[in-house]
């Protein structure tokens, strides 16, 4: 079985996480720039005398599909590396992946993600 790890992290932590994942010799990673909020909310600014409420903050979304046995190690390393101890450090979600297919070779399952 495979798992998908979705990690929402601070943008300034991306390079550290990329280095970490390269050390773990992972075969694939997707990265998206996203906007969102949680407890951190956002901030308010005054623009030309009008208060503007910026509810969404920039985050980086990482998606990684790995074997079940690798999940805890990877999640632990991401958590260690992404943590600043402040509100807004992010979240990690883990979900089941039923199948994967490498389009070029038609390989399926674990063979497709190795």
PDB file of N, CA and C in Angstrom:
ATOM      1  N   UNK A   1       0.838  -1.183   0.000  1.00  0.00           N
ATOM      2  CA  UNK A   1       0.000   0.000   0.000  1.00  0.00           C
ATOM      3  C   UNK A   1       0.884   1.249   0.000  1.00  0.00           C
ATOM      4  N   UNK A   2       0.331   2.319  -0.515  1.00  0.00           N
ATOM      5  CA  UNK A   2       1.056   3.579  -0.617  1.00  0.00           C
ATOM      6  C   UNK A   2       0.276   4.667   0.123  1.00  0.00           C
ATOM      7  N   UNK A   3       0.994   5.704   0.494  1.00  0.00           N
ATOM      8  CA  UNK A   3       0.378   6.851   1.162  1.00  0.00           C
ATOM      9  C   UNK A   3       0.784   8.125   0.433  1.00  0.00           C
ATOM     10  N   UNK A   4      -0.115   9.095   0.482  1.00  0.00           N
ATOM     11  CA  UNK A   4       0.199  10.429  -0.032  1.00  0.00           C
ATOM     12  C   UNK A   4       0.365  11.350   1.162  1.00  0.00           C
ATOM     13  N   UNK A   5       1.485  12.027   1.204  1.00  0.00           N
ATOM     14  CA  UNK A   5       1.766  13.005   2.246  1.00  0.00           C
ATOM     15  C   UNK A   5       1.584  14.384   1.623  1.00  0.00           C
ATOM     16  N   UNK A   6       0.698  15.181   2.205  1.00  0.00           N
ATOM     17  CA  UNK A   6       0.517  16.574   1.792  1.00  0.00           C
ATOM     18  C   UNK A   6       0.991  17.433   2.942  1.00  0.00           C
ATOM     19  N   UNK A   7       2.007  18.212   2.707  1.00  0.00           N
ATOM     20  CA  UNK A   7       2.558  19.077   3.745  1.00  0.00           C
ATOM     21  C   UNK A   7       2.403  20.528   3.322  1.00  0.00           C
ATOM     22  N   UNK A   8       1.797  21.333   4.190  1.00  0.00           N
ATOM     23  CA  UNK A   8       1.659  22.766   3.978  1.00  0.00           C
ATOM     24  C   UNK A   8       2.675  23.435   4.880  1.00  0.00           C
ATOM     25  N   UNK A   9       3.634  24.119   4.289  1.00  0.00           N
ATOM     26  CA  UNK A   9       4.745  24.679   5.056  1.00  0.00           C
ATOM     27  C   UNK A   9       4.924  26.167   4.738  1.00  0.00           C
ATOM     28  N   UNK A  10       5.724  26.823   5.564  1.00  0.00           N
ATOM     29  CA  UNK A  10       6.094  28.220   5.312  1.00  0.00           C
ATOM     30  C   UNK A  10       6.989  28.269   4.061  1.00  0.00           C
ATOM     31  N   UNK A  11       6.809  29.265   3.200  1.00  0.00           N
ATOM     32  CA  UNK A  11       7.643  29.364   1.997  1.00  0.00           C
ATOM     33  C   UNK A  11       9.142  29.400   2.290  1.00  0.00           C
ATOM     34  N   UNK A  12       9.516  30.034   3.389  1.00  0.00           N
ATOM     35  CA  UNK A  12      10.948  30.146   3.696  1.00  0.00           C
ATOM     36  C   UNK A  12      11.583  28.816   4.106  1.00  0.00           C
ATOM     37  N   UNK A  13      10.770  27.789   4.338  1.00  0.00           N
ATOM     38  CA  UNK A  13      11.291  26.473   4.714  1.00  0.00           C
ATOM     39  C   UNK A  13      11.458  25.541   3.512  1.00  0.00           C
ATOM     40  N   UNK A  14      11.055  25.986   2.319  1.00  0.00           N
ATOM     41  CA  UNK A  14      11.070  25.107   1.144  1.00  0.00           C
ATOM     42  C   UNK A  14      12.452  24.556   0.833  1.00  0.00           C
ATOM     43  N   UNK A  15      13.458  25.402   0.805  1.00  0.00           N
ATOM     44  CA  UNK A  15      14.806  24.922   0.438  1.00  0.00           C
ATOM     45  C   UNK A  15      15.328  23.904   1.444  1.00  0.00           C
ATOM     46  N   UNK A  16      15.074  24.136   2.731  1.00  0.00           N
ATOM     47  CA  UNK A  16      15.499  23.178   3.760  1.00  0.00           C
ATOM     48  C   UNK A  16      14.802  21.833   3.565  1.00  0.00           C
ATOM     49  N   UNK A  17      13.509  21.871   3.261  1.00  0.00           N
ATOM     50  CA  UNK A  17      12.742  20.633   3.064  1.00  0.00           C
ATOM     51  C   UNK A  17      13.215  19.919   1.805  1.00  0.00           C
ATOM     52  N   UNK A  18      13.484  20.670   0.725  1.00  0.00           N
ATOM     53  CA  UNK A  18      13.977  20.046  -0.507  1.00  0.00           C
ATOM     54  C   UNK A  18      15.304  19.334  -0.260  1.00  0.00           C
ATOM     55  N   UNK A  19      16.191  19.956   0.489  1.00  0.00           N
ATOM     56  CA  UNK A  19      17.480  19.332   0.816  1.00  0.00           C
ATOM     57  C   UNK A  19      17.270  18.056   1.616  1.00  0.00           C
ATOM     58  N   UNK A  20      16.380  18.132   2.586  1.00  0.00           N
ATOM     59  CA  UNK A  20      16.065  16.975   3.421  1.00  0.00           C
ATOM     60  C   UNK A  20      15.534  15.825   2.572  1.00  0.00           C
ATOM     61  N   UNK A  21      14.591  16.118   1.685  1.00  0.00           N
ATOM     62  CA  UNK A  21      13.989  15.072   0.865  1.00  0.00           C
ATOM     63  C   UNK A  21      14.986  14.487  -0.128  1.00  0.00           C
ATOM     64  N   UNK A  22      15.921  15.293  -0.606  1.00  0.00           N
ATOM     65  CA  UNK A  22      16.977  14.778  -1.484  1.00  0.00           C
ATOM     66  C   UNK A  22      17.851  13.781  -0.719  1.00  0.00           C
ATOM     67  N   UNK A  23      18.141  14.083   0.544  1.00  0.00           N
ATOM     68  CA  UNK A  23      18.919  13.164   1.386  1.00  0.00           C
ATOM     69  C   UNK A  23      18.190  11.841   1.590  1.00  0.00           C
ATOM     70  N   UNK A  24      16.845  11.885   1.642  1.00  0.00           N
ATOM     71  CA  UNK A  24      16.050  10.667   1.840  1.00  0.00           C
ATOM     72  C   UNK A  24      15.899   9.874   0.551  1.00  0.00           C
ATOM     73  N   UNK A  25      16.434  10.405  -0.565  1.00  0.00           N
ATOM     74  CA  UNK A  25      16.438   9.728  -1.859  1.00  0.00           C
ATOM     75  C   UNK A  25      15.025   9.392  -2.347  1.00  0.00           C
ATOM     76  N   UNK A  26      14.113  10.357  -2.204  1.00  0.00           N
ATOM     77  CA  UNK A  26      12.752  10.150  -2.706  1.00  0.00           C
ATOM     78  C   UNK A  26      12.733  10.330  -4.210  1.00  0.00           C
ATOM     79  N   UNK A  27      11.840   9.604  -4.852  1.00  0.00           N
ATOM     80  CA  UNK A  27      11.815   9.607  -6.305  1.00  0.00           C
ATOM     81  C   UNK A  27      10.980  10.726  -6.904  1.00  0.00           C
ATOM     82  N   UNK A  28      10.067  11.311  -6.159  1.00  0.00           N
ATOM     83  CA  UNK A  28       9.232  12.346  -6.738  1.00  0.00           C
ATOM     84  C   UNK A  28       8.623  13.258  -5.696  1.00  0.00           C
ATOM     85  N   UNK A  29       8.367  14.478  -6.112  1.00  0.00           N
ATOM     86  CA  UNK A  29       7.802  15.495  -5.231  1.00  0.00           C
ATOM     87  C   UNK A  29       7.096  16.514  -6.108  1.00  0.00           C
ATOM     88  N   UNK A  30       5.909  16.914  -5.706  1.00  0.00           N
ATOM     89  CA  UNK A  30       5.215  18.011  -6.376  1.00  0.00           C
ATOM     90  C   UNK A  30       5.111  19.164  -5.397  1.00  0.00           C
ATOM     91  N   UNK A  31       5.258  20.382  -5.922  1.00  0.00           N
ATOM     92  CA  UNK A  31       5.213  21.575  -5.098  1.00  0.00           C
ATOM     93  C   UNK A  31       4.272  22.575  -5.745  1.00  0.00           C
ATOM     94  N   UNK A  32       3.423  23.183  -4.924  1.00  0.00           N
ATOM     95  CA  UNK A  32       2.521  24.234  -5.396  1.00  0.00           C
ATOM     96  C   UNK A  32       2.588  25.407  -4.440  1.00  0.00           C
ATOM     97  N   UNK A  33       2.459  26.599  -4.996  1.00  0.00           N
ATOM     98  CA  UNK A  33       2.325  27.781  -4.160  1.00  0.00           C
ATOM     99  C   UNK A  33       0.831  27.969  -3.933  1.00  0.00           C
ATOM    100  N   UNK A  34       0.433  28.022  -2.671  1.00  0.00           N
ATOM    101  CA  UNK A  34      -0.980  28.148  -2.324  1.00  0.00           C
ATOM    102  C   UNK A  34      -1.168  29.292  -1.337  1.00  0.00           C
ATOM    103  N   UNK A  35      -2.416  29.663  -1.138  1.00  0.00           N
ATOM    104  CA  UNK A  35      -2.768  30.682  -0.158  1.00  0.00           C
ATOM    105  C   UNK A  35      -3.783  30.061   0.792  1.00  0.00           C
ATOM    106  N   UNK A  36      -3.696  30.394   2.064  1.00  0.00           N
ATOM    107  CA  UNK A  36      -4.653  29.850   3.011  1.00  0.00           C
ATOM    108  C   UNK A  36      -4.517  30.511   4.366  1.00  0.00           C
ATOM    109  N   UNK A  37      -5.367  30.056   5.278  1.00  0.00           N
ATOM    110  CA  UNK A  37      -5.249  30.534   6.652  1.00  0.00           C
ATOM    111  C   UNK A  37      -5.741  29.460   7.600  1.00  0.00           C
ATOM    112  N   UNK A  38      -5.263  29.546   8.803  1.00  0.00           N
ATOM    113  CA  UNK A  38      -5.679  28.686   9.900  1.00  0.00           C
ATOM    114  C   UNK A  38      -5.717  29.578  11.124  1.00  0.00           C
ATOM    115  N   UNK A  39      -5.079  29.147  12.179  1.00  0.00           N
ATOM    116  CA  UNK A  39      -5.035  29.969  13.394  1.00  0.00           C
ATOM    117  C   UNK A  39      -4.271  31.266  13.181  1.00  0.00           C
ATOM    118  N   UNK A  40      -3.343  31.226  12.251  1.00  0.00           N
ATOM    119  CA  UNK A  40      -2.505  32.400  12.014  1.00  0.00           C
ATOM    120  C   UNK A  40      -3.318  33.555  11.436  1.00  0.00           C
ATOM    121  N   UNK A  41      -4.447  33.226  10.835  1.00  0.00           N
ATOM    122  CA  UNK A  41      -5.331  34.193  10.174  1.00  0.00           C
ATOM    123  C   UNK A  41      -4.589  34.938   9.088  1.00  0.00           C
ATOM    124  N   UNK A  42      -4.433  36.210   9.212  1.00  0.00           N
ATOM    125  CA  UNK A  42      -3.785  37.027   8.199  1.00  0.00           C
ATOM    126  C   UNK A  42      -3.295  38.303   8.848  1.00  0.00           C
ATOM    127  N   UNK A  43      -3.431  39.374   8.140  1.00  0.00           N
ATOM    128  CA  UNK A  43      -3.029  40.649   8.705  1.00  0.00           C
ATOM    129  C   UNK A  43      -3.900  41.749   8.114  1.00  0.00           C
ATOM    130  N   UNK A  44      -3.846  42.911   8.731  1.00  0.00           N
ATOM    131  CA  UNK A  44      -4.607  44.064   8.253  1.00  0.00           C
ATOM    132  C   UNK A  44      -3.630  45.165   7.880  1.00  0.00           C
ATOM    133  N   UNK A  45      -3.983  45.869   6.817  1.00  0.00           N
ATOM    134  CA  UNK A  45      -3.192  47.005   6.381  1.00  0.00           C
ATOM    135  C   UNK A  45      -4.130  48.153   6.059  1.00  0.00           C
ATOM    136  N   UNK A  46      -3.592  49.344   6.116  1.00  0.00           N
ATOM    137  CA  UNK A  46      -4.349  50.511   5.677  1.00  0.00           C
ATOM    138  C   UNK A  46      -3.788  50.951   4.334  1.00  0.00           C
ATOM    139  N   UNK A  47      -4.657  50.976   3.340  1.00  0.00           N
ATOM    140  CA  UNK A  47      -4.272  51.412   2.001  1.00  0.00           C
ATOM    141  C   UNK A  47      -5.131  52.616   1.655  1.00  0.00           C
ATOM    142  N   UNK A  48      -4.493  53.744   1.480  1.00  0.00           N
ATOM    143  CA  UNK A  48      -5.193  55.008   1.184  1.00  0.00           C
ATOM    144  C   UNK A  48      -6.326  55.268   2.168  1.00  0.00           C
ATOM    145  N   UNK A  49      -6.051  55.020   3.442  1.00  0.00           N
ATOM    146  CA  UNK A  49      -7.025  55.301   4.489  1.00  0.00           C
ATOM    147  C   UNK A  49      -8.086  54.244   4.693  1.00  0.00           C
ATOM    148  N   UNK A  50      -8.059  53.180   3.889  1.00  0.00           N
ATOM    149  CA  UNK A  50      -9.050  52.109   4.013  1.00  0.00           C
ATOM    150  C   UNK A  50      -8.380  50.861   4.583  1.00  0.00           C
ATOM    151  N   UNK A  51      -9.013  50.270   5.579  1.00  0.00           N
ATOM    152  CA  UNK A  51      -8.468  49.055   6.172  1.00  0.00           C
ATOM    153  C   UNK A  51      -8.758  47.860   5.258  1.00  0.00           C
ATOM    154  N   UNK A  52      -7.718  47.113   4.929  1.00  0.00           N
ATOM    155  CA  UNK A  52      -7.864  45.915   4.104  1.00  0.00           C
ATOM    156  C   UNK A  52      -7.423  44.729   4.940  1.00  0.00           C
ATOM    157  N   UNK A  53      -8.280  43.708   4.963  1.00  0.00           N
ATOM    158  CA  UNK A  53      -8.015  42.494   5.730  1.00  0.00           C
ATOM    159  C   UNK A  53      -7.506  41.412   4.788  1.00  0.00           C
ATOM    160  N   UNK A  54      -6.233  41.045   4.943  1.00  0.00           N
ATOM    161  CA  UNK A  54      -5.648  39.978   4.127  1.00  0.00           C
ATOM    162  C   UNK A  54      -5.811  38.672   4.896  1.00  0.00           C
ATOM    163  N   UNK A  55      -6.819  37.888   4.514  1.00  0.00           N
ATOM    164  CA  UNK A  55      -7.126  36.658   5.237  1.00  0.00           C
ATOM    165  C   UNK A  55      -6.218  35.492   4.856  1.00  0.00           C
ATOM    166  N   UNK A  56      -5.661  35.529   3.652  1.00  0.00           N
ATOM    167  CA  UNK A  56      -4.889  34.390   3.175  1.00  0.00           C
ATOM    168  C   UNK A  56      -3.404  34.700   3.177  1.00  0.00           C
ATOM    169  N   UNK A  57      -2.637  33.727   3.645  1.00  0.00           N
ATOM    170  CA  UNK A  57      -1.190  33.865   3.689  1.00  0.00           C
ATOM    171  C   UNK A  57      -0.556  32.876   2.716  1.00  0.00           C
ATOM    172  N   UNK A  58       0.601  33.214   2.152  1.00  0.00           N
ATOM    173  CA  UNK A  58       1.255  32.292   1.225  1.00  0.00           C
ATOM    174  C   UNK A  58       1.814  31.080   1.966  1.00  0.00           C
ATOM    175  N   UNK A  59       1.594  29.924   1.392  1.00  0.00           N
ATOM    176  CA  UNK A  59       2.140  28.667   1.903  1.00  0.00           C
ATOM    177  C   UNK A  59       2.663  27.860   0.719  1.00  0.00           C
ATOM    178  N   UNK A  60       3.427  26.842   1.005  1.00  0.00           N
ATOM    179  CA  UNK A  60       3.894  25.894  -0.008  1.00  0.00           C
ATOM    180  C   UNK A  60       3.233  24.556   0.299  1.00  0.00           C
ATOM    181  N   UNK A  61       2.649  23.948  -0.723  1.00  0.00           N
ATOM    182  CA  UNK A  61       2.035  22.628  -0.573  1.00  0.00           C
ATOM    183  C   UNK A  61       2.950  21.616  -1.255  1.00  0.00           C
ATOM    184  N   UNK A  62       3.407  20.641  -0.482  1.00  0.00           N
ATOM    185  CA  UNK A  62       4.231  19.556  -1.004  1.00  0.00           C
ATOM    186  C   UNK A  62       3.392  18.289  -1.059  1.00  0.00           C
ATOM    187  N   UNK A  63       3.502  17.542  -2.132  1.00  0.00           N
ATOM    188  CA  UNK A  63       2.804  16.268  -2.257  1.00  0.00           C
ATOM    189  C   UNK A  63       3.828  15.192  -2.600  1.00  0.00           C
ATOM    190  N   UNK A  64       3.805  14.130  -1.812  1.00  0.00           N
ATOM    191  CA  UNK A  64       4.759  13.041  -1.980  1.00  0.00           C
ATOM    192  C   UNK A  64       3.990  11.734  -1.824  1.00  0.00           C
ATOM    193  N   UNK A  65       4.194  10.787  -2.732  1.00  0.00           N
ATOM    194  CA  UNK A  65       3.594   9.460  -2.593  1.00  0.00           C
ATOM    195  C   UNK A  65       4.713   8.492  -2.265  1.00  0.00           C
ATOM    196  N   UNK A  66       4.531   7.757  -1.160  1.00  0.00           N
ATOM    197  CA  UNK A  66       5.585   6.873  -0.654  1.00  0.00           C
ATOM    198  C   UNK A  66       4.987   5.546  -0.187  1.00  0.00           C
ATOM    199  N   UNK A  67       5.852   4.579   0.036  1.00  0.00           N
ATOM    200  CA  UNK A  67       5.440   3.303   0.612  1.00  0.00           C
ATOM    201  C   UNK A  67       5.023   3.518   2.060  1.00  0.00           C
ATOM    202  N   UNK A  68       4.074   2.716   2.522  1.00  0.00           N
ATOM    203  CA  UNK A  68       3.580   2.827   3.904  1.00  0.00           C
ATOM    204  C   UNK A  68       4.708   2.866   4.927  1.00  0.00           C
ATOM    205  N   UNK A  69       5.711   2.016   4.729  1.00  0.00           N
ATOM    206  CA  UNK A  69       6.766   1.901   5.731  1.00  0.00           C
ATOM    207  C   UNK A  69       7.668   3.135   5.809  1.00  0.00           C
ATOM    208  N   UNK A  70       7.598   4.020   4.819  1.00  0.00           N
ATOM    209  CA  UNK A  70       8.434   5.220   4.812  1.00  0.00           C
ATOM    210  C   UNK A  70       7.747   6.447   5.408  1.00  0.00           C
ATOM    211  N   UNK A  71       6.439   6.359   5.627  1.00  0.00           N
ATOM    212  CA  UNK A  71       5.651   7.531   6.019  1.00  0.00           C
ATOM    213  C   UNK A  71       6.146   8.163   7.318  1.00  0.00           C
ATOM    214  N   UNK A  72       6.269   7.394   8.378  1.00  0.00           N
ATOM    215  CA  UNK A  72       6.615   7.976   9.688  1.00  0.00           C
ATOM    216  C   UNK A  72       7.964   8.675   9.671  1.00  0.00           C
ATOM    217  N   UNK A  73       8.944   8.076   9.007  1.00  0.00           N
ATOM    218  CA  UNK A  73      10.269   8.692   8.927  1.00  0.00           C
ATOM    219  C   UNK A  73      10.206  10.020   8.177  1.00  0.00           C
ATOM    220  N   UNK A  74       9.522  10.038   7.043  1.00  0.00           N
ATOM    221  CA  UNK A  74       9.427  11.253   6.237  1.00  0.00           C
ATOM    222  C   UNK A  74       8.654  12.338   6.979  1.00  0.00           C
ATOM    223  N   UNK A  75       7.527  11.990   7.564  1.00  0.00           N
ATOM    224  CA  UNK A  75       6.720  12.958   8.304  1.00  0.00           C
ATOM    225  C   UNK A  75       7.519  13.530   9.483  1.00  0.00           C
ATOM    226  N   UNK A  76       8.235  12.678  10.167  1.00  0.00           N
ATOM    227  CA  UNK A  76       9.050  13.124  11.298  1.00  0.00           C
ATOM    228  C   UNK A  76      10.108  14.126  10.848  1.00  0.00           C
ATOM    229  N   UNK A  77      10.770  13.845   9.745  1.00  0.00           N
ATOM    230  CA  UNK A  77      11.827  14.737   9.234  1.00  0.00           C
ATOM    231  C   UNK A  77      11.248  16.066   8.753  1.00  0.00           C
ATOM    232  N   UNK A  78      10.101  16.012   8.049  1.00  0.00           N
ATOM    233  CA  UNK A  78       9.467  17.256   7.594  1.00  0.00           C
ATOM    234  C   UNK A  78       9.060  18.102   8.799  1.00  0.00           C
ATOM    235  N   UNK A  79       8.458  17.463   9.793  1.00  0.00           N
ATOM    236  CA  UNK A  79       8.011  18.172  10.991  1.00  0.00           C
ATOM    237  C   UNK A  79       9.187  18.852  11.687  1.00  0.00           C
ATOM    238  N   UNK A  80      10.282  18.119  11.847  1.00  0.00           N
ATOM    239  CA  UNK A  80      11.496  18.660  12.471  1.00  0.00           C
ATOM    240  C   UNK A  80      12.014  19.879  11.723  1.00  0.00           C
ATOM    241  N   UNK A  81      12.092  19.757  10.416  1.00  0.00           N
ATOM    242  CA  UNK A  81      12.697  20.784   9.574  1.00  0.00           C
ATOM    243  C   UNK A  81      11.807  22.013   9.420  1.00  0.00           C
ATOM    244  N   UNK A  82      10.487  21.812   9.339  1.00  0.00           N
ATOM    245  CA  UNK A  82       9.562  22.920   9.082  1.00  0.00           C
ATOM    246  C   UNK A  82       9.174  23.687  10.344  1.00  0.00           C
ATOM    247  N   UNK A  83       9.460  23.138  11.503  1.00  0.00           N
ATOM    248  CA  UNK A  83       9.001  23.739  12.759  1.00  0.00           C
ATOM    249  C   UNK A  83       9.826  24.958  13.162  1.00  0.00           C
ATOM    250  N   UNK A  84       9.116  26.060  13.424  1.00  0.00           N
ATOM    251  CA  UNK A  84       9.756  27.243  14.004  1.00  0.00           C
ATOM    252  C   UNK A  84       9.256  27.447  15.433  1.00  0.00           C
ATOM    253  N   UNK A  85       8.173  26.741  15.780  1.00  0.00           N
ATOM    254  CA  UNK A  85       7.565  26.909  17.091  1.00  0.00           C
ATOM    255  C   UNK A  85       6.538  28.025  17.144  1.00  0.00           C
ATOM    256  N   UNK A  86       6.275  28.640  16.005  1.00  0.00           N
ATOM    257  CA  UNK A  86       5.314  29.744  15.949  1.00  0.00           C
ATOM    258  C   UNK A  86       4.048  29.315  15.220  1.00  0.00           C
ATOM    259  N   UNK A  87       2.955  30.019  15.503  1.00  0.00           N
ATOM    260  CA  UNK A  87       1.711  29.789  14.789  1.00  0.00           C
ATOM    261  C   UNK A  87       1.980  29.994  13.301  1.00  0.00           C
ATOM    262  N   UNK A  88       1.448  29.097  12.472  1.00  0.00           N
ATOM    263  CA  UNK A  88       1.627  29.223  11.028  1.00  0.00           C
ATOM    264  C   UNK A  88       2.684  28.310  10.453  1.00  0.00           C
ATOM    265  N   UNK A  89       3.216  27.394  11.276  1.00  0.00           N
ATOM    266  CA  UNK A  89       4.222  26.463  10.767  1.00  0.00           C
ATOM    267  C   UNK A  89       3.650  25.512   9.726  1.00  0.00           C
ATOM    268  N   UNK A  90       2.361  25.237   9.767  1.00  0.00           N
ATOM    269  CA  UNK A  90       1.738  24.405   8.734  1.00  0.00           C
ATOM    270  C   UNK A  90       1.100  23.160   9.280  1.00  0.00           C
ATOM    271  N   UNK A  91       0.713  22.302   8.350  1.00  0.00           N
ATOM    272  CA  UNK A  91       0.055  21.035   8.685  1.00  0.00           C
ATOM    273  C   UNK A  91       0.502  19.969   7.706  1.00  0.00           C
ATOM    274  N   UNK A  92       0.344  18.713   8.120  1.00  0.00           N
ATOM    275  CA  UNK A  92       0.632  17.571   7.255  1.00  0.00           C
ATOM    276  C   UNK A  92      -0.596  16.667   7.271  1.00  0.00           C
ATOM    277  N   UNK A  93      -1.017  16.241   6.085  1.00  0.00           N
ATOM    278  CA  UNK A  93      -2.135  15.315   5.944  1.00  0.00           C
ATOM    279  C   UNK A  93      -1.624  14.057   5.254  1.00  0.00           C
ATOM    280  N   UNK A  94      -2.096  12.907   5.710  1.00  0.00           N
ATOM    281  CA  UNK A  94      -1.681  11.625   5.151  1.00  0.00           C
ATOM    282  C   UNK A  94      -2.929  10.881   4.699  1.00  0.00           C
ATOM    283  N   UNK A  95      -2.915  10.396   3.456  1.00  0.00           N
ATOM    284  CA  UNK A  95      -4.071   9.659   2.946  1.00  0.00           C
ATOM    285  C   UNK A  95      -3.609   8.425   2.167  1.00  0.00           C
ATOM    286  N   UNK A  96      -4.516   7.469   2.032  1.00  0.00           N
ATOM    287  CA  UNK A  96      -4.227   6.242   1.290  1.00  0.00           C
ATOM    288  C   UNK A  96      -4.223   6.514  -0.211  1.00  0.00           C
ATOM    289  N   UNK A  97      -3.343   5.823  -0.910  1.00  0.00           N
ATOM    290  CA  UNK A  97      -3.315   5.854  -2.368  1.00  0.00           C
ATOM    291  C   UNK A  97      -3.567   4.422  -2.826  1.00  0.00           C
ATOM    292  N   UNK A  98      -4.621   4.237  -3.600  1.00  0.00           N
ATOM    293  CA  UNK A  98      -4.988   2.892  -4.046  1.00  0.00           C
ATOM    294  C   UNK A  98      -4.114   2.358  -5.160  1.00  0.00           C
ATOM    295  N   UNK A  99      -3.652   3.222  -6.043  1.00  0.00           N
ATOM    296  CA  UNK A  99      -2.844   2.772  -7.163  1.00  0.00           C
ATOM    297  C   UNK A  99      -2.071   3.950  -7.718  1.00  0.00           C
ATOM    298  N   UNK A 100      -1.038   3.666  -8.473  1.00  0.00           N
ATOM    299  CA  UNK A 100      -0.259   4.676  -9.177  1.00  0.00           C
ATOM    300  C   UNK A 100       0.152   4.057 -10.511  1.00  0.00           C
ATOM    301  N   UNK A 101       0.244   4.881 -11.526  1.00  0.00           N
ATOM    302  CA  UNK A 101       0.612   4.393 -12.858  1.00  0.00           C
ATOM    303  C   UNK A 101       1.659   5.328 -13.441  1.00  0.00           C
ATOM    304  N   UNK A 102       2.778   4.767 -13.854  1.00  0.00           N
ATOM    305  CA  UNK A 102       3.782   5.553 -14.586  1.00  0.00           C
ATOM    306  C   UNK A 102       3.361   5.512 -16.049  1.00  0.00           C
ATOM    307  N   UNK A 103       3.015   6.645 -16.598  1.00  0.00           N
ATOM    308  CA  UNK A 103       2.456   6.707 -17.940  1.00  0.00           C
ATOM    309  C   UNK A 103       3.424   6.146 -18.985  1.00  0.00           C
ATOM    310  N   UNK A 104       4.681   6.501 -18.921  1.00  0.00           N
ATOM    311  CA  UNK A 104       5.659   6.085 -19.923  1.00  0.00           C
ATOM    312  C   UNK A 104       5.779   4.573 -20.041  1.00  0.00           C
ATOM    313  N   UNK A 105       5.873   3.870 -18.899  1.00  0.00           N
ATOM    314  CA  UNK A 105       6.142   2.428 -18.916  1.00  0.00           C
ATOM    315  C   UNK A 105       4.923   1.572 -18.595  1.00  0.00           C
ATOM    316  N   UNK A 106       3.850   2.223 -18.153  1.00  0.00           N
ATOM    317  CA  UNK A 106       2.613   1.532 -17.732  1.00  0.00           C
ATOM    318  C   UNK A 106       2.794   0.741 -16.432  1.00  0.00           C
ATOM    319  N   UNK A 107       3.910   0.965 -15.725  1.00  0.00           N
ATOM    320  CA  UNK A 107       4.124   0.288 -14.448  1.00  0.00           C
ATOM    321  C   UNK A 107       3.053   0.760 -13.469  1.00  0.00           C
ATOM    322  N   UNK A 108       2.671  -0.140 -12.546  1.00  0.00           N
ATOM    323  CA  UNK A 108       1.623   0.183 -11.587  1.00  0.00           C
ATOM    324  C   UNK A 108       2.095  -0.048 -10.163  1.00  0.00           C
ATOM    325  N   UNK A 109       1.372   0.540  -9.237  1.00  0.00           N
ATOM    326  CA  UNK A 109       1.637   0.330  -7.813  1.00  0.00           C
ATOM    327  C   UNK A 109       2.995   0.860  -7.405  1.00  0.00           C
ATOM    328  N   UNK A 110       3.656   0.123  -6.531  1.00  0.00           N
ATOM    329  CA  UNK A 110       4.960   0.547  -6.011  1.00  0.00           C
ATOM    330  C   UNK A 110       5.993   0.708  -7.112  1.00  0.00           C
ATOM    331  N   UNK A 111       5.903  -0.108  -8.165  1.00  0.00           N
ATOM    332  CA  UNK A 111       6.861   0.028  -9.274  1.00  0.00           C
ATOM    333  C   UNK A 111       6.764   1.392  -9.934  1.00  0.00           C
ATOM    334  N   UNK A 112       5.587   1.988  -9.907  1.00  0.00           N
ATOM    335  CA  UNK A 112       5.386   3.291 -10.536  1.00  0.00           C
ATOM    336  C   UNK A 112       5.979   4.442  -9.742  1.00  0.00           C
ATOM    337  N   UNK A 113       6.178   4.261  -8.442  1.00  0.00           N
ATOM    338  CA  UNK A 113       6.697   5.366  -7.632  1.00  0.00           C
ATOM    339  C   UNK A 113       8.157   5.191  -7.250  1.00  0.00           C
ATOM    340  N   UNK A 114       8.777   4.103  -7.649  1.00  0.00           N
ATOM    341  CA  UNK A 114      10.192   3.885  -7.331  1.00  0.00           C
ATOM    342  C   UNK A 114      11.088   4.521  -8.377  1.00  0.00           C
TER     343      UNK A 114
END
